[in-house]
Every structure is written in C-alpha cells, then in structure tokens.
C-alpha atoms as a PDB file:
ATOM      1  CA  UNK A   1       6.198   8.903 -27.063  1.00  0.00           C
ATOM      2  CA  UNK A   2       4.691   5.796 -25.465  1.00  0.00           C
ATOM      3  CA  UNK A   3       4.110   5.992 -21.704  1.00  0.00           C
ATOM      4  CA  UNK A   4       5.437   2.664 -20.424  1.00  0.00           C
ATOM      5  CA  UNK A   5       3.863   3.138 -16.982  1.00  0.00           C
ATOM      6  CA  UNK A   6       0.389   3.881 -18.291  1.00  0.00           C
ATOM      7  CA  UNK A   7      -2.502   2.606 -16.171  1.00  0.00           C
ATOM      8  CA  UNK A   8      -5.043   3.310 -18.893  1.00  0.00           C
ATOM      9  CA  UNK A   9      -7.962   0.889 -18.713  1.00  0.00           C
ATOM     10  CA  UNK A  10      -6.952  -0.488 -15.325  1.00  0.00           C
ATOM     11  CA  UNK A  11      -8.831  -0.229 -12.024  1.00  0.00           C
ATOM     12  CA  UNK A  12      -6.647   0.392  -8.989  1.00  0.00           C
ATOM     13  CA  UNK A  13      -7.796   0.096  -5.364  1.00  0.00           C
ATOM     14  CA  UNK A  14      -5.890   1.900  -2.605  1.00  0.00           C
ATOM     15  CA  UNK A  15      -6.561   1.389   1.102  1.00  0.00           C
ATOM     16  CA  UNK A  16      -5.834   4.159   3.578  1.00  0.00           C
ATOM     17  CA  UNK A  17      -6.421   6.637   0.768  1.00  0.00           C
ATOM     18  CA  UNK A  18      -7.748   9.566   2.786  1.00  0.00           C
ATOM     19  CA  UNK A  19      -4.430  11.368   3.064  1.00  0.00           C
ATOM     20  CA  UNK A  20      -0.667  11.096   2.687  1.00  0.00           C
ATOM     21  CA  UNK A  21       0.755   8.257   0.605  1.00  0.00           C
ATOM     22  CA  UNK A  22      -2.643   6.739  -0.150  1.00  0.00           C
ATOM     23  CA  UNK A  23      -4.036   9.980  -1.506  1.00  0.00           C
ATOM     24  CA  UNK A  24      -0.907  10.649  -3.555  1.00  0.00           C
ATOM     25  CA  UNK A  25      -1.233   7.147  -5.052  1.00  0.00           C
ATOM     26  CA  UNK A  26      -4.844   7.783  -6.033  1.00  0.00           C
ATOM     27  CA  UNK A  27      -3.915  11.110  -7.642  1.00  0.00           C
ATOM     28  CA  UNK A  28      -1.063   9.637  -9.672  1.00  0.00           C
ATOM     29  CA  UNK A  29      -3.079   6.579 -10.704  1.00  0.00           C
ATOM     30  CA  UNK A  30      -5.744   8.888 -12.090  1.00  0.00           C
ATOM     31  CA  UNK A  31      -3.118  10.950 -13.939  1.00  0.00           C
ATOM     32  CA  UNK A  32      -1.877   7.719 -15.499  1.00  0.00           C
ATOM     33  CA  UNK A  33      -5.379   6.869 -16.716  1.00  0.00           C
ATOM     34  CA  UNK A  34      -6.661   4.396 -14.126  1.00  0.00           C
ATOM     35  CA  UNK A  35     -10.047   4.068 -12.560  1.00  0.00           C
ATOM     36  CA  UNK A  36      -9.152   4.729  -8.929  1.00  0.00           C
ATOM     37  CA  UNK A  37     -10.936   3.482  -5.804  1.00  0.00           C
ATOM     38  CA  UNK A  38     -10.123   5.170  -2.491  1.00  0.00           C
ATOM     39  CA  UNK A  39     -10.790   3.148   0.666  1.00  0.00           C
ATOM     40  CA  UNK A  40     -10.583   4.781   4.087  1.00  0.00           C
ATOM     41  CA  UNK A  41     -12.165   4.663   7.533  1.00  0.00           C
ATOM     42  CA  UNK A  42     -12.447   8.463   7.659  1.00  0.00           C
ATOM     43  CA  UNK A  43     -15.507   9.628   5.751  1.00  0.00           C
ATOM     44  CA  UNK A  44     -14.481  13.290   6.099  1.00  0.00           C
ATOM     45  CA  UNK A  45     -11.183  12.885   4.271  1.00  0.00           C
ATOM     46  CA  UNK A  46     -12.824  10.856   1.509  1.00  0.00           C
ATOM     47  CA  UNK A  47     -15.469  13.564   1.086  1.00  0.00           C
ATOM     48  CA  UNK A  48     -12.782  15.949  -0.204  1.00  0.00           C
ATOM     49  CA  UNK A  49     -12.330  13.872  -3.365  1.00  0.00           C
ATOM     50  CA  UNK A  50     -14.062  14.988  -6.553  1.00  0.00           C
ATOM     51  CA  UNK A  51     -16.731  12.311  -6.776  1.00  0.00           C
ATOM     52  CA  UNK A  52     -18.112  13.875  -9.964  1.00  0.00           C
ATOM     53  CA  UNK A  53     -15.159  12.153 -11.647  1.00  0.00           C
ATOM     54  CA  UNK A  54     -16.728   9.013 -13.104  1.00  0.00           C
ATOM     55  CA  UNK A  55     -13.354   7.255 -12.953  1.00  0.00           C
ATOM     56  CA  UNK A  56     -13.091   7.778  -9.184  1.00  0.00           C
ATOM     57  CA  UNK A  57     -14.909   5.871  -6.447  1.00  0.00           C
ATOM     58  CA  UNK A  58     -14.710   6.290  -2.668  1.00  0.00           C
ATOM     59  CA  UNK A  59     -15.803   3.702  -0.105  1.00  0.00           C
ATOM     60  CA  UNK A  60     -15.795   4.191   3.661  1.00  0.00           C
ATOM     61  CA  UNK A  61     -15.039   1.334   6.028  1.00  0.00           C
ATOM     62  CA  UNK A  62     -12.469  -0.517   8.115  1.00  0.00           C
ATOM     63  CA  UNK A  63      -9.902  -2.680   6.345  1.00  0.00           C
ATOM     64  CA  UNK A  64     -10.040  -5.049   9.334  1.00  0.00           C
ATOM     65  CA  UNK A  65     -13.671  -5.952   8.581  1.00  0.00           C
ATOM     66  CA  UNK A  66     -13.788  -9.070   6.400  1.00  0.00           C
ATOM     67  CA  UNK A  67     -17.363  -8.548   5.225  1.00  0.00           C
ATOM     68  CA  UNK A  68     -16.598  -4.929   4.317  1.00  0.00           C
ATOM     69  CA  UNK A  69     -13.706  -6.038   2.123  1.00  0.00           C
ATOM     70  CA  UNK A  70     -15.840  -8.667   0.382  1.00  0.00           C
ATOM     71  CA  UNK A  71     -18.787  -6.314  -0.174  1.00  0.00           C
ATOM     72  CA  UNK A  72     -16.589  -3.440  -1.354  1.00  0.00           C
ATOM     73  CA  UNK A  73     -14.804  -5.639  -3.896  1.00  0.00           C
ATOM     74  CA  UNK A  74     -18.180  -6.746  -5.281  1.00  0.00           C
ATOM     75  CA  UNK A  75     -19.261  -3.102  -5.681  1.00  0.00           C
ATOM     76  CA  UNK A  76     -16.002  -2.167  -7.395  1.00  0.00           C
ATOM     77  CA  UNK A  77     -16.210  -5.044  -9.859  1.00  0.00           C
ATOM     78  CA  UNK A  78     -19.865  -4.228 -10.538  1.00  0.00           C
ATOM     79  CA  UNK A  79     -18.965  -0.632 -11.404  1.00  0.00           C
ATOM     80  CA  UNK A  80     -15.676  -1.043 -13.273  1.00  0.00           C
ATOM     81  CA  UNK A  81     -15.785  -4.662 -14.434  1.00  0.00           C
ATOM     82  CA  UNK A  82     -12.557  -5.857 -12.831  1.00  0.00           C
ATOM     83  CA  UNK A  83      -9.793  -4.918 -10.406  1.00  0.00           C
ATOM     84  CA  UNK A  84      -6.292  -4.836 -11.873  1.00  0.00           C
ATOM     85  CA  UNK A  85      -4.307  -3.305  -9.021  1.00  0.00           C
ATOM     86  CA  UNK A  86      -4.381  -3.235  -5.227  1.00  0.00           C
ATOM     87  CA  UNK A  87      -2.242  -1.086  -2.950  1.00  0.00           C
ATOM     88  CA  UNK A  88      -2.332  -2.211   0.687  1.00  0.00           C
ATOM     89  CA  UNK A  89      -1.461   1.096   2.315  1.00  0.00           C
ATOM     90  CA  UNK A  90      -3.778   1.479   5.334  1.00  0.00           C
ATOM     91  CA  UNK A  91      -1.839   1.930   8.552  1.00  0.00           C
ATOM     92  CA  UNK A  92      -1.720   3.396  12.035  1.00  0.00           C
ATOM     93  CA  UNK A  93       0.882   3.780  14.779  1.00  0.00           C
ATOM     94  CA  UNK A  94       0.583   3.081  18.506  1.00  0.00           C
ATOM     95  CA  UNK A  95       4.166   3.610  19.768  1.00  0.00           C
ATOM     96  CA  UNK A  96       5.519   2.340  23.084  1.00  0.00           C
ATOM     97  CA  UNK A  97       8.666   0.605  24.266  1.00  0.00           C
ATOM     98  CA  UNK A  98       8.289  -3.178  24.213  1.00  0.00           C
ATOM     99  CA  UNK A  99       8.069  -3.598  27.972  1.00  0.00           C
ATOM    100  CA  UNK A 100       5.341  -0.945  28.203  1.00  0.00           C
ATOM    101  CA  UNK A 101       3.249  -1.788  25.161  1.00  0.00           C
ATOM    102  CA  UNK A 102      -0.280  -2.947  25.911  1.00  0.00           C
ATOM    103  CA  UNK A 103      -1.960  -5.801  24.107  1.00  0.00           C
ATOM    104  CA  UNK A 104      -4.491  -3.300  22.761  1.00  0.00           C
ATOM    105  CA  UNK A 105      -1.686  -1.244  21.193  1.00  0.00           C
ATOM    106  CA  UNK A 106      -0.141  -4.371  19.704  1.00  0.00           C
ATOM    107  CA  UNK A 107      -3.420  -5.698  18.305  1.00  0.00           C
ATOM    108  CA  UNK A 108      -4.541  -2.382  16.823  1.00  0.00           C
ATOM    109  CA  UNK A 109      -1.441  -2.027  14.660  1.00  0.00           C
ATOM    110  CA  UNK A 110      -1.246  -5.705  13.653  1.00  0.00           C
ATOM    111  CA  UNK A 111      -4.930  -5.738  12.689  1.00  0.00           C
ATOM    112  CA  UNK A 112      -4.806  -2.651  10.459  1.00  0.00           C
ATOM    113  CA  UNK A 113      -1.457  -3.247   8.737  1.00  0.00           C
ATOM    114  CA  UNK A 114      -1.201  -7.015   8.547  1.00  0.00           C
ATOM    115  CA  UNK A 115      -4.695  -8.465   8.900  1.00  0.00           C
ATOM    116  CA  UNK A 116      -6.155  -5.649   6.808  1.00  0.00           C
ATOM    117  CA  UNK A 117      -3.632  -6.288   4.043  1.00  0.00           C
ATOM    118  CA  UNK A 118      -4.391 -10.017   4.154  1.00  0.00           C
ATOM    119  CA  UNK A 119      -8.163  -9.510   3.941  1.00  0.00           C
ATOM    120  CA  UNK A 120      -7.887  -7.175   0.952  1.00  0.00           C
ATOM    121  CA  UNK A 121      -5.276  -9.332  -0.754  1.00  0.00           C
ATOM    122  CA  UNK A 122      -7.586 -12.302  -0.354  1.00  0.00           C
ATOM    123  CA  UNK A 123     -10.757 -10.510  -1.497  1.00  0.00           C
ATOM    124  CA  UNK A 124      -9.151  -8.873  -4.528  1.00  0.00           C
ATOM    125  CA  UNK A 125      -6.958 -11.906  -5.265  1.00  0.00           C
ATOM    126  CA  UNK A 126      -9.986 -14.163  -5.585  1.00  0.00           C
ATOM    127  CA  UNK A 127     -11.437 -11.985  -8.359  1.00  0.00           C
ATOM    128  CA  UNK A 128      -8.071 -11.915 -10.124  1.00  0.00           C
ATOM    129  CA  UNK A 129      -7.769 -15.698  -9.977  1.00  0.00           C
ATOM    130  CA  UNK A 130     -11.290 -16.013 -11.418  1.00  0.00           C
ATOM    131  CA  UNK A 131     -10.231 -13.939 -14.401  1.00  0.00           C
ATOM    132  CA  UNK A 132      -7.086 -16.026 -14.807  1.00  0.00           C
ATOM    133  CA  UNK A 133      -9.164 -19.194 -14.895  1.00  0.00           C
ATOM    134  CA  UNK A 134     -11.248 -17.507 -17.587  1.00  0.00           C
ATOM    135  CA  UNK A 135      -8.203 -17.264 -19.816  1.00  0.00           C
ATOM    136  CA  UNK A 136      -6.697 -13.847 -19.009  1.00  0.00           C
ATOM    137  CA  UNK A 137      -2.907 -13.792 -18.718  1.00  0.00           C
ATOM    138  CA  UNK A 138      -1.641 -10.498 -17.231  1.00  0.00           C
ATOM    139  CA  UNK A 139      -4.311 -10.354 -14.543  1.00  0.00           C
ATOM    140  CA  UNK A 140      -3.131  -7.883 -11.945  1.00  0.00           C
ATOM    141  CA  UNK A 141      -0.625  -6.463  -9.506  1.00  0.00           C
ATOM    142  CA  UNK A 142      -0.673  -6.172  -5.709  1.00  0.00           C
ATOM    143  CA  UNK A 143       1.659  -3.727  -3.961  1.00  0.00           C
ATOM    144  CA  UNK A 144       2.120  -3.894  -0.202  1.00  0.00           C
ATOM    145  CA  UNK A 145       3.356  -0.733   1.481  1.00  0.00           C
ATOM    146  CA  UNK A 146       5.991  -1.903   3.942  1.00  0.00           C
ATOM    147  CA  UNK A 147       8.780   0.004   5.666  1.00  0.00           C
ATOM    148  CA  UNK A 148      12.435  -0.002   6.622  1.00  0.00           C
ATOM    149  CA  UNK A 149      11.080  -0.809  10.080  1.00  0.00           C
ATOM    150  CA  UNK A 150      10.086  -4.232   8.785  1.00  0.00           C
ATOM    151  CA  UNK A 151      13.659  -4.955   7.686  1.00  0.00           C
ATOM    152  CA  UNK A 152      15.696  -3.298  10.434  1.00  0.00           C
ATOM    153  CA  UNK A 153      13.361  -2.838  13.418  1.00  0.00           C
ATOM    154  CA  UNK A 154      12.196   0.415  14.985  1.00  0.00           C
ATOM    155  CA  UNK A 155      12.723   1.676  18.527  1.00  0.00           C
ATOM    156  CA  UNK A 156       9.416   2.032  20.350  1.00  0.00           C
ATOM    157  CA  UNK A 157       7.400   0.386  17.572  1.00  0.00           C
ATOM    158  CA  UNK A 158       7.694  -3.373  17.936  1.00  0.00           C
ATOM    159  CA  UNK A 159       4.073  -3.700  16.750  1.00  0.00           C
ATOM    160  CA  UNK A 160       4.672  -1.622  13.605  1.00  0.00           C
ATOM    161  CA  UNK A 161       7.979  -3.348  12.798  1.00  0.00           C
ATOM    162  CA  UNK A 162       6.417  -6.792  13.232  1.00  0.00           C
ATOM    163  CA  UNK A 163       3.454  -5.868  11.031  1.00  0.00           C
ATOM    164  CA  UNK A 164       5.642  -4.451   8.279  1.00  0.00           C
ATOM    165  CA  UNK A 165       7.948  -7.476   8.414  1.00  0.00           C
ATOM    166  CA  UNK A 166       4.897  -9.710   8.184  1.00  0.00           C
ATOM    167  CA  UNK A 167       3.822  -7.908   5.032  1.00  0.00           C
ATOM    168  CA  UNK A 168       7.119  -8.875   3.427  1.00  0.00           C
ATOM    169  CA  UNK A 169       6.400 -12.535   4.161  1.00  0.00           C
ATOM    170  CA  UNK A 170       2.896 -12.155   2.781  1.00  0.00           C
ATOM    171  CA  UNK A 171       4.293 -10.555  -0.375  1.00  0.00           C
ATOM    172  CA  UNK A 172       6.672 -13.450  -1.047  1.00  0.00           C
ATOM    173  CA  UNK A 173       4.013 -16.073  -0.355  1.00  0.00           C
ATOM    174  CA  UNK A 174       1.426 -14.440  -2.605  1.00  0.00           C
ATOM    175  CA  UNK A 175       4.034 -14.198  -5.362  1.00  0.00           C
ATOM    176  CA  UNK A 176       4.888 -17.887  -5.067  1.00  0.00           C
ATOM    177  CA  UNK A 177       1.239 -18.945  -5.076  1.00  0.00           C
ATOM    178  CA  UNK A 178      -0.238 -16.604  -7.679  1.00  0.00           C
ATOM    179  CA  UNK A 179       2.442 -15.488 -10.141  1.00  0.00           C
ATOM    180  CA  UNK A 180       1.700 -18.455 -12.405  1.00  0.00           C
ATOM    181  CA  UNK A 181      -1.849 -17.074 -12.737  1.00  0.00           C
ATOM    182  CA  UNK A 182      -0.631 -13.646 -13.845  1.00  0.00           C
ATOM    183  CA  UNK A 183      -0.978 -11.992 -10.419  1.00  0.00           C
ATOM    184  CA  UNK A 184       2.206 -10.198  -9.374  1.00  0.00           C
ATOM    185  CA  UNK A 185       2.854  -9.187  -5.744  1.00  0.00           C
ATOM    186  CA  UNK A 186       5.601  -6.844  -4.560  1.00  0.00           C
ATOM    187  CA  UNK A 187       6.437  -4.643  -1.582  1.00  0.00           C
ATOM    188  CA  UNK A 188       7.673  -1.082  -1.420  1.00  0.00           C
ATOM    189  CA  UNK A 189       9.663  -0.292   1.720  1.00  0.00           C
ATOM    190  CA  UNK A 190       9.612   3.389   2.610  1.00  0.00           C
ATOM    191  CA  UNK A 191      11.933   5.291   4.888  1.00  0.00           C
ATOM    192  CA  UNK A 192      10.667   8.572   6.345  1.00  0.00           C
ATOM    193  CA  UNK A 193       7.978  10.166   4.182  1.00  0.00           C
ATOM    194  CA  UNK A 194       6.677  13.612   5.050  1.00  0.00           C
ATOM    195  CA  UNK A 195       3.127  12.697   6.113  1.00  0.00           C
ATOM    196  CA  UNK A 196       1.026  13.230   9.270  1.00  0.00           C
ATOM    197  CA  UNK A 197       2.028   9.755  10.504  1.00  0.00           C
ATOM    198  CA  UNK A 198       5.718  10.715  10.714  1.00  0.00           C
ATOM    199  CA  UNK A 199       5.334  14.083  12.463  1.00  0.00           C
ATOM    200  CA  UNK A 200       6.850  12.806  15.726  1.00  0.00           C
ATOM    201  CA  UNK A 201      10.063  11.394  14.277  1.00  0.00           C
ATOM    202  CA  UNK A 202      10.473  14.479  12.106  1.00  0.00           C
ATOM    203  CA  UNK A 203      10.177  16.682  15.201  1.00  0.00           C
ATOM    204  CA  UNK A 204      12.947  18.458  17.108  1.00  0.00           C
ATOM    205  CA  UNK A 205      13.781  15.450  19.310  1.00  0.00           C
ATOM    206  CA  UNK A 206      14.649  13.016  16.513  1.00  0.00           C
ATOM    207  CA  UNK A 207      15.094  15.081  13.325  1.00  0.00           C
ATOM    208  CA  UNK A 208      18.848  15.637  13.242  1.00  0.00           C
ATOM    209  CA  UNK A 209      19.760  12.095  14.230  1.00  0.00           C
ATOM    210  CA  UNK A 210      17.553  10.523  11.570  1.00  0.00           C
ATOM    211  CA  UNK A 211      18.520  12.934   8.800  1.00  0.00           C
ATOM    212  CA  UNK A 212      22.181  12.153   9.522  1.00  0.00           C
ATOM    213  CA  UNK A 213      21.481   8.506   8.642  1.00  0.00           C
ATOM    214  CA  UNK A 214      19.861   9.331   5.286  1.00  0.00           C
ATOM    215  CA  UNK A 215      22.542   9.685   2.570  1.00  0.00           C
ATOM    216  CA  UNK A 216      20.242  11.909   0.507  1.00  0.00           C
ATOM    217  CA  UNK A 217      19.858  14.174   3.538  1.00  0.00           C
ATOM    218  CA  UNK A 218      16.124  14.882   3.348  1.00  0.00           C
ATOM    219  CA  UNK A 219      12.660  13.465   3.963  1.00  0.00           C
ATOM    220  CA  UNK A 220      10.767  11.903   1.084  1.00  0.00           C
ATOM    221  CA  UNK A 221       7.647  13.524  -0.343  1.00  0.00           C
ATOM    222  CA  UNK A 222       4.472  11.468  -0.903  1.00  0.00           C
ATOM    223  CA  UNK A 223       4.329  12.465  -4.578  1.00  0.00           C
ATOM    224  CA  UNK A 224       7.778  11.027  -5.301  1.00  0.00           C
ATOM    225  CA  UNK A 225       7.540   7.764  -3.368  1.00  0.00           C
ATOM    226  CA  UNK A 226       4.287   6.719  -5.036  1.00  0.00           C
ATOM    227  CA  UNK A 227       5.898   6.733  -8.477  1.00  0.00           C
ATOM    228  CA  UNK A 228       7.570   3.333  -7.889  1.00  0.00           C
ATOM    229  CA  UNK A 229       4.219   2.064  -6.576  1.00  0.00           C
ATOM    230  CA  UNK A 230       2.476   2.965  -9.820  1.00  0.00           C
ATOM    231  CA  UNK A 231       5.391   1.509 -11.789  1.00  0.00           C
ATOM    232  CA  UNK A 232       4.795  -1.831 -10.055  1.00  0.00           C
ATOM    233  CA  UNK A 233       1.081  -1.592 -10.848  1.00  0.00           C
ATOM    234  CA  UNK A 234       1.827  -1.035 -14.526  1.00  0.00           C
ATOM    235  CA  UNK A 235       2.749  -3.459 -17.296  1.00  0.00           C
ATOM    236  CA  UNK A 236       6.270  -1.952 -17.258  1.00  0.00           C
ATOM    237  CA  UNK A 237       6.855  -4.224 -14.235  1.00  0.00           C
ATOM    238  CA  UNK A 238       5.434  -7.305 -15.953  1.00  0.00           C
ATOM    239  CA  UNK A 239       8.356  -9.558 -14.925  1.00  0.00           C
ATOM    240  CA  UNK A 240       8.768  -8.307 -11.356  1.00  0.00           C
ATOM    241  CA  UNK A 241       7.166 -10.294  -8.545  1.00  0.00           C
ATOM    242  CA  UNK A 242       7.992 -11.240  -4.970  1.00  0.00           C
ATOM    243  CA  UNK A 243      10.390  -8.310  -4.576  1.00  0.00           C
ATOM    244  CA  UNK A 244      10.903  -5.662  -1.888  1.00  0.00           C
ATOM    245  CA  UNK A 245      11.866  -2.318  -3.396  1.00  0.00           C
ATOM    246  CA  UNK A 246      13.444   0.218  -1.027  1.00  0.00           C
ATOM    247  CA  UNK A 247      12.400   3.841  -1.521  1.00  0.00           C
ATOM    248  CA  UNK A 248      14.228   5.492   1.348  1.00  0.00           C
ATOM    249  CA  UNK A 249      16.973   7.850   0.219  1.00  0.00           C
ATOM    250  CA  UNK A 250      19.550   5.255   1.243  1.00  0.00           C
ATOM    251  CA  UNK A 251      18.392   5.066   4.871  1.00  0.00           C
ATOM    252  CA  UNK A 252      18.581   1.265   4.804  1.00  0.00           C
ATOM    253  CA  UNK A 253      20.920  -0.287   2.236  1.00  0.00           C
ATOM    254  CA  UNK A 254      21.288  -4.033   1.799  1.00  0.00           C
ATOM    255  CA  UNK A 255      22.029  -6.587  -0.922  1.00  0.00           C
END
C-alpha cells in the first residue's frame, strides 16, 4: 500500500531538535524516509543522535544568529543537495506576570521563537525560491510550531503568547508571498505536550485545572503531535497553505 505521507527523497530541517517535540519530529521524519537535520544550541543533546546514519546531520548553534542560519543552510544544501522541509520548533520560556516581566525576559523569548523562526524561514526560503526559479514546482514546506497561547493568551507568559501569535502572522504572510512558487507554509498549534518545557503547568499546582479544560482529558505525547507536522511536510498536504492546525485535544476550539 502506498504511503501518502512518505518523506522519501526529501531533506527536512528541524530547529530545537535536541529533545521533546523537535527530537520526535526528527525521529519520525527519518522513519518516513527523509534526510533529517537536527539544529540545537545544546551540543550535549545533539551528541546522543546516531551520527553514523548518513541520512542524519546535526549542527550546533543559536537560531537567533543570522550568520549561523545562513552558513548552516549552505552546509545542508552542500551535503544533501536541497532542503524540502523546515520545522521552526526552537523555543524557550521565561514566565512572569506582565507587570513583573523584565525586558530581558521579553527579548529572550521573542528572539528565540519569533526572530529565530524568521531567520530560518528566510535562509531556507531563499534556497527554495532559487529552485522554483529553476523550474521546480512542488518546492517545499515550512511548518511553524505555534501554540494555543498564540490564539488565546497565557497567564504569566505574555512574551510566549506574543511570540506564538507572531508566528501565525508570519505563517500567513509567507503563504501569501511564496505559495505561487511552490513553497507552502503552515502552523501547528499545540496545547499541552508532555515535554520538559511543560513540567511546571503539568505539576500539582495547575494539573487538575488544565486537564479539566481538555475534552480528551490527557496531555499529548510528542510522538503523536509530530504526526500532523510530518503530514504537512509531505506531498499529502500539497494543497494546504497558510493554515493553523490545532493539535490540542480540544483545549482550544474555534471556527
């Protein structure tokens, strides 16, 4: 039976790939046949990948560094020939109530989530547009990892909510500018995924209240939420662009 979400022959780049959602995306992309490139600031977490796999590449650096993004994209294209998919997943949290949040806390989150996603979208997008101008049609897919926080706000995380909302705007703009060149851009909005980043809200203080608002009554697992991400990277999503897909167990439901 034909696998309609095959990534065979494609090269997929994932930022923030050291652990959690990013790592699960890399693992599934490889299972689906892709060349996978893991980007992360933490060299130690990247070192746990099997680099003897010739279809896997790891690169250490900060997504907020423009020259790093440009240089890394050059290295990836040199090794694999082209980039067909990008997942902007890198993220951090610096929680504080709005009146207490420092500018440093605000900037740190905006820079990693929003500026980092822009820099990688730009660097990878330029190579995709080059291929489009060379005559290719279905050039590539960009998936931005957003959040329910970007659609409904989040107590104590005005920086995170603003960054994730900004990624939705970036998704729609990229889709309007680049879809005619065969570059699709979509967002996936997660609810609460069981990763190190969500340990606090899954703790005793907040657990029961949040679970009560999730119709499915449980946290998501990284391995299940990355399946829609890989679907959007695949040719099965060839006519989907500029959309925000909620993967949240019903936590946030809207038309």
